[in-house]
Amino acid sequence: MNNPWLCVEDFEKSICEYTNSPFCVTVDSCTNAIFLSLIYNKHFNLLKDKKIIVPEQTYISVPMQVKNAGLIPELKPVKWIGFYLLENTNIIDSAQKFEKNMYIPETLQCLSFQFKKHLPIGRGGAVLTDNVNAYMWLLKARHDGRNMYKEFGKIENIDTIGYHCPLLPYEAVKGKELLFNKNLTDENIQGDYTNYKKINKDIFV
């Protein structure tokens, strides 16, 4: 039986070539890319503090995923363009930036493929990393603990808790077509903090 998930792997390799990232793991949204990155940091005790600093002007799901990961979101004024660091982590929210050779070493850099973004698949996201351990964990975590490239249809070898947020094969095919057919420039127009209203801090108390 042919493995349809190899289309996803092929798309991820293309993203790596474009962004100069050693590894890429796609998921169904940037929101879940950030969530899984937080869970990875928490699981392996890589966080500097349970309090994660988030810009008060960003997409509202970001502090929500901090909360959902069992951590404490703290909102503060941050002027950012294209991307920003979630302070006390190595996680970068890069939902508003997608450029050639963009990967920042030693980070988990999260992308968005939502319909308004630079690579408008309609839904989807990814985590870029140069950490092979993070790559192997994320690969399984995003799909119920399975490495679908090597264990298509099998559940016997699951050894870790997983989640259910993979990018689907037909979305990966569309993403690769867009990546090679769309007129992406080396310097894409980037969104910034002014595109967002201040988040109500009271909902996180």
C-alpha atoms as a PDB file:
ATOM      1  CA  MET A   1       0.000   0.000   0.000  1.00  0.00           C
ATOM      2  CA  ASN A   2       1.310   3.436  -0.882  1.00  0.00           C
ATOM      3  CA  ASN A   3       1.790   5.730   2.109  1.00  0.00           C
ATOM      4  CA  PRO A   4      -0.013   9.066   1.502  1.00  0.00           C
ATOM      5  CA  TRP A   5       1.847  10.686   4.380  1.00  0.00           C
ATOM      6  CA  LEU A   6       5.021  10.680   2.291  1.00  0.00           C
ATOM      7  CA  CYS A   7       3.485  13.694   0.508  1.00  0.00           C
ATOM      8  CA  VAL A   8       3.701  15.504   3.844  1.00  0.00           C
ATOM      9  CA  GLU A   9       7.331  14.503   4.308  1.00  0.00           C
ATOM     10  CA  ASP A  10       8.108  15.741   0.785  1.00  0.00           C
ATOM     11  CA  PHE A  11       6.504  19.122   1.544  1.00  0.00           C
ATOM     12  CA  GLU A  12       8.476  19.385   4.786  1.00  0.00           C
ATOM     13  CA  LYS A  13      11.729  18.778   2.917  1.00  0.00           C
ATOM     14  CA  SER A  14      10.812  21.593   0.524  1.00  0.00           C
ATOM     15  CA  ILE A  15      10.169  23.941   3.457  1.00  0.00           C
ATOM     16  CA  CYS A  16      13.563  23.012   4.904  1.00  0.00           C
ATOM     17  CA  GLU A  17      15.251  23.882   1.598  1.00  0.00           C
ATOM     18  CA  TYR A  18      13.431  27.215   1.390  1.00  0.00           C
ATOM     19  CA  THR A  19      13.952  28.305   5.005  1.00  0.00           C
ATOM     20  CA  ASN A  20      17.408  26.723   5.555  1.00  0.00           C
ATOM     21  CA  SER A  21      16.067  24.762   8.531  1.00  0.00           C
ATOM     22  CA  PRO A  22      17.558  21.294   9.156  1.00  0.00           C
ATOM     23  CA  PHE A  23      14.180  19.859  10.171  1.00  0.00           C
ATOM     24  CA  CYS A  24      10.494  20.707   9.725  1.00  0.00           C
ATOM     25  CA  VAL A  25       7.377  19.179  11.272  1.00  0.00           C
ATOM     26  CA  THR A  26       4.057  20.299   9.822  1.00  0.00           C
ATOM     27  CA  VAL A  27       0.826  20.476  11.825  1.00  0.00           C
ATOM     28  CA  ASP A  28      -2.731  21.713  11.252  1.00  0.00           C
ATOM     29  CA  SER A  29      -2.153  25.281  12.539  1.00  0.00           C
ATOM     30  CA  CYS A  30       0.445  27.657  13.931  1.00  0.00           C
ATOM     31  CA  THR A  31      -1.576  27.539  17.154  1.00  0.00           C
ATOM     32  CA  ASN A  32      -0.808  23.827  17.534  1.00  0.00           C
ATOM     33  CA  ALA A  33       2.785  24.356  16.411  1.00  0.00           C
ATOM     34  CA  ILE A  34       3.196  26.692  19.378  1.00  0.00           C
ATOM     35  CA  PHE A  35       1.273  24.360  21.706  1.00  0.00           C
ATOM     36  CA  LEU A  36       3.402  21.305  20.860  1.00  0.00           C
ATOM     37  CA  SER A  37       6.585  23.379  21.168  1.00  0.00           C
ATOM     38  CA  LEU A  38       5.507  24.467  24.648  1.00  0.00           C
ATOM     39  CA  ILE A  39       4.687  20.876  25.647  1.00  0.00           C
ATOM     40  CA  TYR A  40       8.094  19.739  24.373  1.00  0.00           C
ATOM     41  CA  ASN A  41       9.891  22.400  26.413  1.00  0.00           C
ATOM     42  CA  LYS A  42       7.819  21.557  29.469  1.00  0.00           C
ATOM     43  CA  HIS A  43       8.206  17.772  29.118  1.00  0.00           C
ATOM     44  CA  PHE A  44      11.998  17.968  28.861  1.00  0.00           C
ATOM     45  CA  ASN A  45      12.395  20.687  31.528  1.00  0.00           C
ATOM     46  CA  LEU A  46      13.805  23.237  29.097  1.00  0.00           C
ATOM     47  CA  LEU A  47      11.795  26.237  30.306  1.00  0.00           C
ATOM     48  CA  LYS A  48      13.531  29.023  32.195  1.00  0.00           C
ATOM     49  CA  ASP A  49      10.318  29.764  34.098  1.00  0.00           C
ATOM     50  CA  LYS A  50       6.673  28.635  34.109  1.00  0.00           C
ATOM     51  CA  LYS A  51       5.779  32.255  33.393  1.00  0.00           C
ATOM     52  CA  ILE A  52       5.864  32.781  29.625  1.00  0.00           C
ATOM     53  CA  ILE A  53       6.044  36.372  28.382  1.00  0.00           C
ATOM     54  CA  VAL A  54       3.714  37.026  25.432  1.00  0.00           C
ATOM     55  CA  PRO A  55       3.148  40.320  23.558  1.00  0.00           C
ATOM     56  CA  GLU A  56      -0.133  41.917  24.552  1.00  0.00           C
ATOM     57  CA  GLN A  57      -0.788  42.573  20.863  1.00  0.00           C
ATOM     58  CA  THR A  58      -0.732  39.231  19.046  1.00  0.00           C
ATOM     59  CA  TYR A  59      -3.165  36.540  17.982  1.00  0.00           C
ATOM     60  CA  ILE A  60      -5.224  35.569  21.022  1.00  0.00           C
ATOM     61  CA  SER A  61      -4.604  31.829  20.688  1.00  0.00           C
ATOM     62  CA  VAL A  62      -0.933  32.296  21.645  1.00  0.00           C
ATOM     63  CA  PRO A  63      -1.453  33.080  25.362  1.00  0.00           C
ATOM     64  CA  MET A  64      -4.320  30.565  25.351  1.00  0.00           C
ATOM     65  CA  GLN A  65      -1.919  27.797  24.304  1.00  0.00           C
ATOM     66  CA  VAL A  66       0.464  28.840  27.068  1.00  0.00           C
ATOM     67  CA  LYS A  67      -2.437  28.397  29.491  1.00  0.00           C
ATOM     68  CA  ASN A  68      -3.513  25.112  27.854  1.00  0.00           C
ATOM     69  CA  ALA A  69       0.034  23.792  28.266  1.00  0.00           C
ATOM     70  CA  GLY A  70      -0.247  24.307  32.032  1.00  0.00           C
ATOM     71  CA  LEU A  71       1.959  27.386  32.042  1.00  0.00           C
ATOM     72  CA  ILE A  72       1.368  31.022  33.003  1.00  0.00           C
ATOM     73  CA  PRO A  73       0.970  33.619  30.246  1.00  0.00           C
ATOM     74  CA  GLU A  74       2.107  37.123  31.161  1.00  0.00           C
ATOM     75  CA  LEU A  75       1.175  39.827  28.661  1.00  0.00           C
ATOM     76  CA  LYS A  76       3.415  42.833  28.155  1.00  0.00           C
ATOM     77  CA  PRO A  77       3.927  45.559  25.515  1.00  0.00           C
ATOM     78  CA  VAL A  78       6.236  44.346  22.747  1.00  0.00           C
ATOM     79  CA  LYS A  79       6.799  46.042  19.406  1.00  0.00           C
ATOM     80  CA  TRP A  80       7.447  43.303  16.887  1.00  0.00           C
ATOM     81  CA  ILE A  81       7.531  42.898  13.104  1.00  0.00           C
ATOM     82  CA  GLY A  82       7.050  39.495  11.466  1.00  0.00           C
ATOM     83  CA  PHE A  83       8.033  37.396  14.457  1.00  0.00           C
ATOM     84  CA  TYR A  84       8.765  37.462  18.185  1.00  0.00           C
ATOM     85  CA  LEU A  85      10.224  35.250  20.898  1.00  0.00           C
ATOM     86  CA  LEU A  86       8.029  33.766  23.609  1.00  0.00           C
ATOM     87  CA  GLU A  87      10.287  34.853  26.469  1.00  0.00           C
ATOM     88  CA  ASN A  88      11.593  32.138  28.832  1.00  0.00           C
ATOM     89  CA  THR A  89      11.481  29.684  25.915  1.00  0.00           C
ATOM     90  CA  ASN A  90      13.281  29.085  22.625  1.00  0.00           C
ATOM     91  CA  ILE A  91       9.956  29.314  20.747  1.00  0.00           C
ATOM     92  CA  ILE A  92       9.440  31.910  18.025  1.00  0.00           C
ATOM     93  CA  ASP A  93       6.004  32.834  16.714  1.00  0.00           C
ATOM     94  CA  SER A  94       6.724  33.468  13.047  1.00  0.00           C
ATOM     95  CA  ALA A  95       3.139  33.382  11.805  1.00  0.00           C
ATOM     96  CA  GLN A  96       3.608  36.727  10.038  1.00  0.00           C
ATOM     97  CA  LYS A  97       6.964  35.955   8.401  1.00  0.00           C
ATOM     98  CA  PHE A  98       7.884  33.487   5.658  1.00  0.00           C
ATOM     99  CA  GLU A  99      11.112  34.207   3.799  1.00  0.00           C
ATOM    100  CA  LYS A 100      13.962  32.376   2.160  1.00  0.00           C
ATOM    101  CA  ASN A 101      16.718  31.327   4.617  1.00  0.00           C
ATOM    102  CA  MET A 102      14.631  32.622   7.523  1.00  0.00           C
ATOM    103  CA  TYR A 103      15.367  29.912  10.111  1.00  0.00           C
ATOM    104  CA  ILE A 104      16.873  31.191  13.373  1.00  0.00           C
ATOM    105  CA  PRO A 105      19.277  28.589  14.833  1.00  0.00           C
ATOM    106  CA  GLU A 106      18.598  26.888  18.189  1.00  0.00           C
ATOM    107  CA  THR A 107      14.904  27.761  18.135  1.00  0.00           C
ATOM    108  CA  LEU A 108      11.547  26.143  17.575  1.00  0.00           C
ATOM    109  CA  GLN A 109      10.269  28.546  14.914  1.00  0.00           C
ATOM    110  CA  CYS A 110       6.530  28.264  14.300  1.00  0.00           C
ATOM    111  CA  LEU A 111       4.924  29.051  10.929  1.00  0.00           C
ATOM    112  CA  SER A 112       1.353  29.633   9.733  1.00  0.00           C
ATOM    113  CA  PHE A 113      -0.182  28.579   6.427  1.00  0.00           C
ATOM    114  CA  GLN A 114      -3.589  30.129   7.124  1.00  0.00           C
ATOM    115  CA  PHE A 115      -5.359  31.595   4.089  1.00  0.00           C
ATOM    116  CA  LYS A 116      -4.215  35.177   4.842  1.00  0.00           C
ATOM    117  CA  LYS A 117      -0.554  34.241   5.247  1.00  0.00           C
ATOM    118  CA  HIS A 118       2.380  34.134   2.794  1.00  0.00           C
ATOM    119  CA  LEU A 119       1.840  30.461   1.920  1.00  0.00           C
ATOM    120  CA  PRO A 120      -1.996  30.379   1.933  1.00  0.00           C
ATOM    121  CA  ILE A 121      -2.858  26.687   2.018  1.00  0.00           C
ATOM    122  CA  GLY A 122      -5.973  27.648   3.974  1.00  0.00           C
ATOM    123  CA  ARG A 123      -4.965  25.933   7.194  1.00  0.00           C
ATOM    124  CA  GLY A 124      -1.769  24.490   8.568  1.00  0.00           C
ATOM    125  CA  GLY A 125       1.459  25.366  10.288  1.00  0.00           C
ATOM    126  CA  ALA A 126       4.927  24.018  10.987  1.00  0.00           C
ATOM    127  CA  VAL A 127       7.793  23.948  13.454  1.00  0.00           C
ATOM    128  CA  LEU A 128      11.309  24.571  12.152  1.00  0.00           C
ATOM    129  CA  THR A 129      14.174  23.258  14.270  1.00  0.00           C
ATOM    130  CA  ASP A 130      17.820  22.204  14.208  1.00  0.00           C
ATOM    131  CA  ASN A 131      17.369  19.918  17.229  1.00  0.00           C
ATOM    132  CA  VAL A 132      17.059  16.279  16.184  1.00  0.00           C
ATOM    133  CA  ASN A 133      15.528  15.294  19.541  1.00  0.00           C
ATOM    134  CA  ALA A 134      12.830  17.951  19.193  1.00  0.00           C
ATOM    135  CA  TYR A 135      12.232  16.840  15.607  1.00  0.00           C
ATOM    136  CA  MET A 136      11.754  13.179  16.557  1.00  0.00           C
ATOM    137  CA  TRP A 137       9.439  14.065  19.469  1.00  0.00           C
ATOM    138  CA  LEU A 138       7.332  16.502  17.442  1.00  0.00           C
ATOM    139  CA  LEU A 139       7.093  14.029  14.562  1.00  0.00           C
ATOM    140  CA  LYS A 140       5.296  11.567  16.839  1.00  0.00           C
ATOM    141  CA  ALA A 141       3.492  14.042  19.087  1.00  0.00           C
ATOM    142  CA  ARG A 142       1.604  15.657  16.202  1.00  0.00           C
ATOM    143  CA  HIS A 143       0.058  12.337  15.119  1.00  0.00           C
ATOM    144  CA  ASP A 144      -1.059  10.288  18.139  1.00  0.00           C
ATOM    145  CA  GLY A 145       2.433   9.109  19.032  1.00  0.00           C
ATOM    146  CA  ARG A 146       3.089   7.576  15.600  1.00  0.00           C
ATOM    147  CA  ASN A 147       5.760   8.226  13.003  1.00  0.00           C
ATOM    148  CA  MET A 148       3.435   7.988  10.027  1.00  0.00           C
ATOM    149  CA  TYR A 149       6.290   7.976   7.527  1.00  0.00           C
ATOM    150  CA  LYS A 150       7.664   4.691   8.834  1.00  0.00           C
ATOM    151  CA  GLU A 151       4.723   3.120  10.689  1.00  0.00           C
ATOM    152  CA  PHE A 152       1.758   3.845   8.429  1.00  0.00           C
ATOM    153  CA  GLY A 153      -1.337   2.246   9.949  1.00  0.00           C
ATOM    154  CA  LYS A 154       0.530   0.735  12.922  1.00  0.00           C
ATOM    155  CA  ILE A 155      -0.039   1.454  16.604  1.00  0.00           C
ATOM    156  CA  GLU A 156       2.145  -1.271  18.131  1.00  0.00           C
ATOM    157  CA  ASN A 157       5.250   0.872  18.599  1.00  0.00           C
ATOM    158  CA  ILE A 158       3.728   3.880  20.368  1.00  0.00           C
ATOM    159  CA  ASP A 159       5.950   4.912  23.276  1.00  0.00           C
ATOM    160  CA  THR A 160       4.856   8.492  23.914  1.00  0.00           C
ATOM    161  CA  ILE A 161       1.679  10.489  24.444  1.00  0.00           C
ATOM    162  CA  GLY A 162       0.586  12.175  21.256  1.00  0.00           C
ATOM    163  CA  TYR A 163      -1.918  14.703  20.000  1.00  0.00           C
ATOM    164  CA  HIS A 164      -4.007  14.796  16.844  1.00  0.00           C
ATOM    165  CA  CYS A 165      -3.051  17.764  14.698  1.00  0.00           C
ATOM    166  CA  PRO A 166      -1.306  16.624  11.493  1.00  0.00           C
ATOM    167  CA  LEU A 167      -1.266  18.500   8.224  1.00  0.00           C
ATOM    168  CA  LEU A 168      -3.155  16.251   5.809  1.00  0.00           C
ATOM    169  CA  PRO A 169      -1.561  14.847   2.629  1.00  0.00           C
ATOM    170  CA  TYR A 170      -3.754  16.812   0.190  1.00  0.00           C
ATOM    171  CA  GLU A 171      -2.914  20.027   2.082  1.00  0.00           C
ATOM    172  CA  ALA A 172       0.800  19.213   1.788  1.00  0.00           C
ATOM    173  CA  VAL A 173       0.437  18.731  -1.971  1.00  0.00           C
ATOM    174  CA  LYS A 174      -1.254  22.129  -2.230  1.00  0.00           C
ATOM    175  CA  GLY A 175       1.455  23.672  -0.058  1.00  0.00           C
ATOM    176  CA  LYS A 176       4.253  22.389  -2.267  1.00  0.00           C
ATOM    177  CA  GLU A 177       2.478  23.659  -5.381  1.00  0.00           C
ATOM    178  CA  LEU A 178       2.098  27.094  -3.790  1.00  0.00           C
ATOM    179  CA  LEU A 179       5.712  27.115  -2.634  1.00  0.00           C
ATOM    180  CA  PHE A 180       7.029  26.573  -6.151  1.00  0.00           C
ATOM    181  CA  ASN A 181       4.383  28.423  -8.175  1.00  0.00           C
ATOM    182  CA  LYS A 182       3.678  31.471  -6.036  1.00  0.00           C
ATOM    183  CA  ASN A 183       5.835  34.553  -6.562  1.00  0.00           C
ATOM    184  CA  LEU A 184       7.465  34.420  -3.152  1.00  0.00           C
ATOM    185  CA  THR A 185      10.185  37.018  -2.761  1.00  0.00           C
ATOM    186  CA  ASP A 186      13.157  36.917  -0.441  1.00  0.00           C
ATOM    187  CA  GLU A 187      11.685  39.853   1.465  1.00  0.00           C
ATOM    188  CA  ASN A 188       7.958  39.320   1.952  1.00  0.00           C
ATOM    189  CA  ILE A 189       5.747  41.964   3.532  1.00  0.00           C
ATOM    190  CA  GLN A 190       5.488  41.129   7.218  1.00  0.00           C
ATOM    191  CA  GLY A 191       2.658  41.773   9.646  1.00  0.00           C
ATOM    192  CA  ASP A 192       3.356  43.396  13.000  1.00  0.00           C
ATOM    193  CA  TYR A 193       1.927  44.122  16.437  1.00  0.00           C
ATOM    194  CA  THR A 194      -0.213  46.998  15.123  1.00  0.00           C
ATOM    195  CA  ASN A 195      -2.440  44.469  13.340  1.00  0.00           C
ATOM    196  CA  TYR A 196      -3.758  43.275  16.716  1.00  0.00           C
ATOM    197  CA  LYS A 197      -5.773  44.814  19.525  1.00  0.00           C
ATOM    198  CA  LYS A 198      -4.536  44.482  23.101  1.00  0.00           C
ATOM    199  CA  ILE A 199      -5.592  41.171  24.638  1.00  0.00           C
ATOM    200  CA  ASN A 200      -7.803  41.302  27.728  1.00  0.00           C
ATOM    201  CA  LYS A 201      -5.487  40.115  30.532  1.00  0.00           C
ATOM    202  CA  ASP A 202      -8.415  39.335  32.829  1.00  0.00           C
ATOM    203  CA  ILE A 203      -9.311  36.131  30.993  1.00  0.00           C
ATOM    204  CA  PHE A 204      -6.008  34.590  32.109  1.00  0.00           C
ATOM    205  CA  VAL A 205      -6.349  35.383  35.801  1.00  0.00           C
END
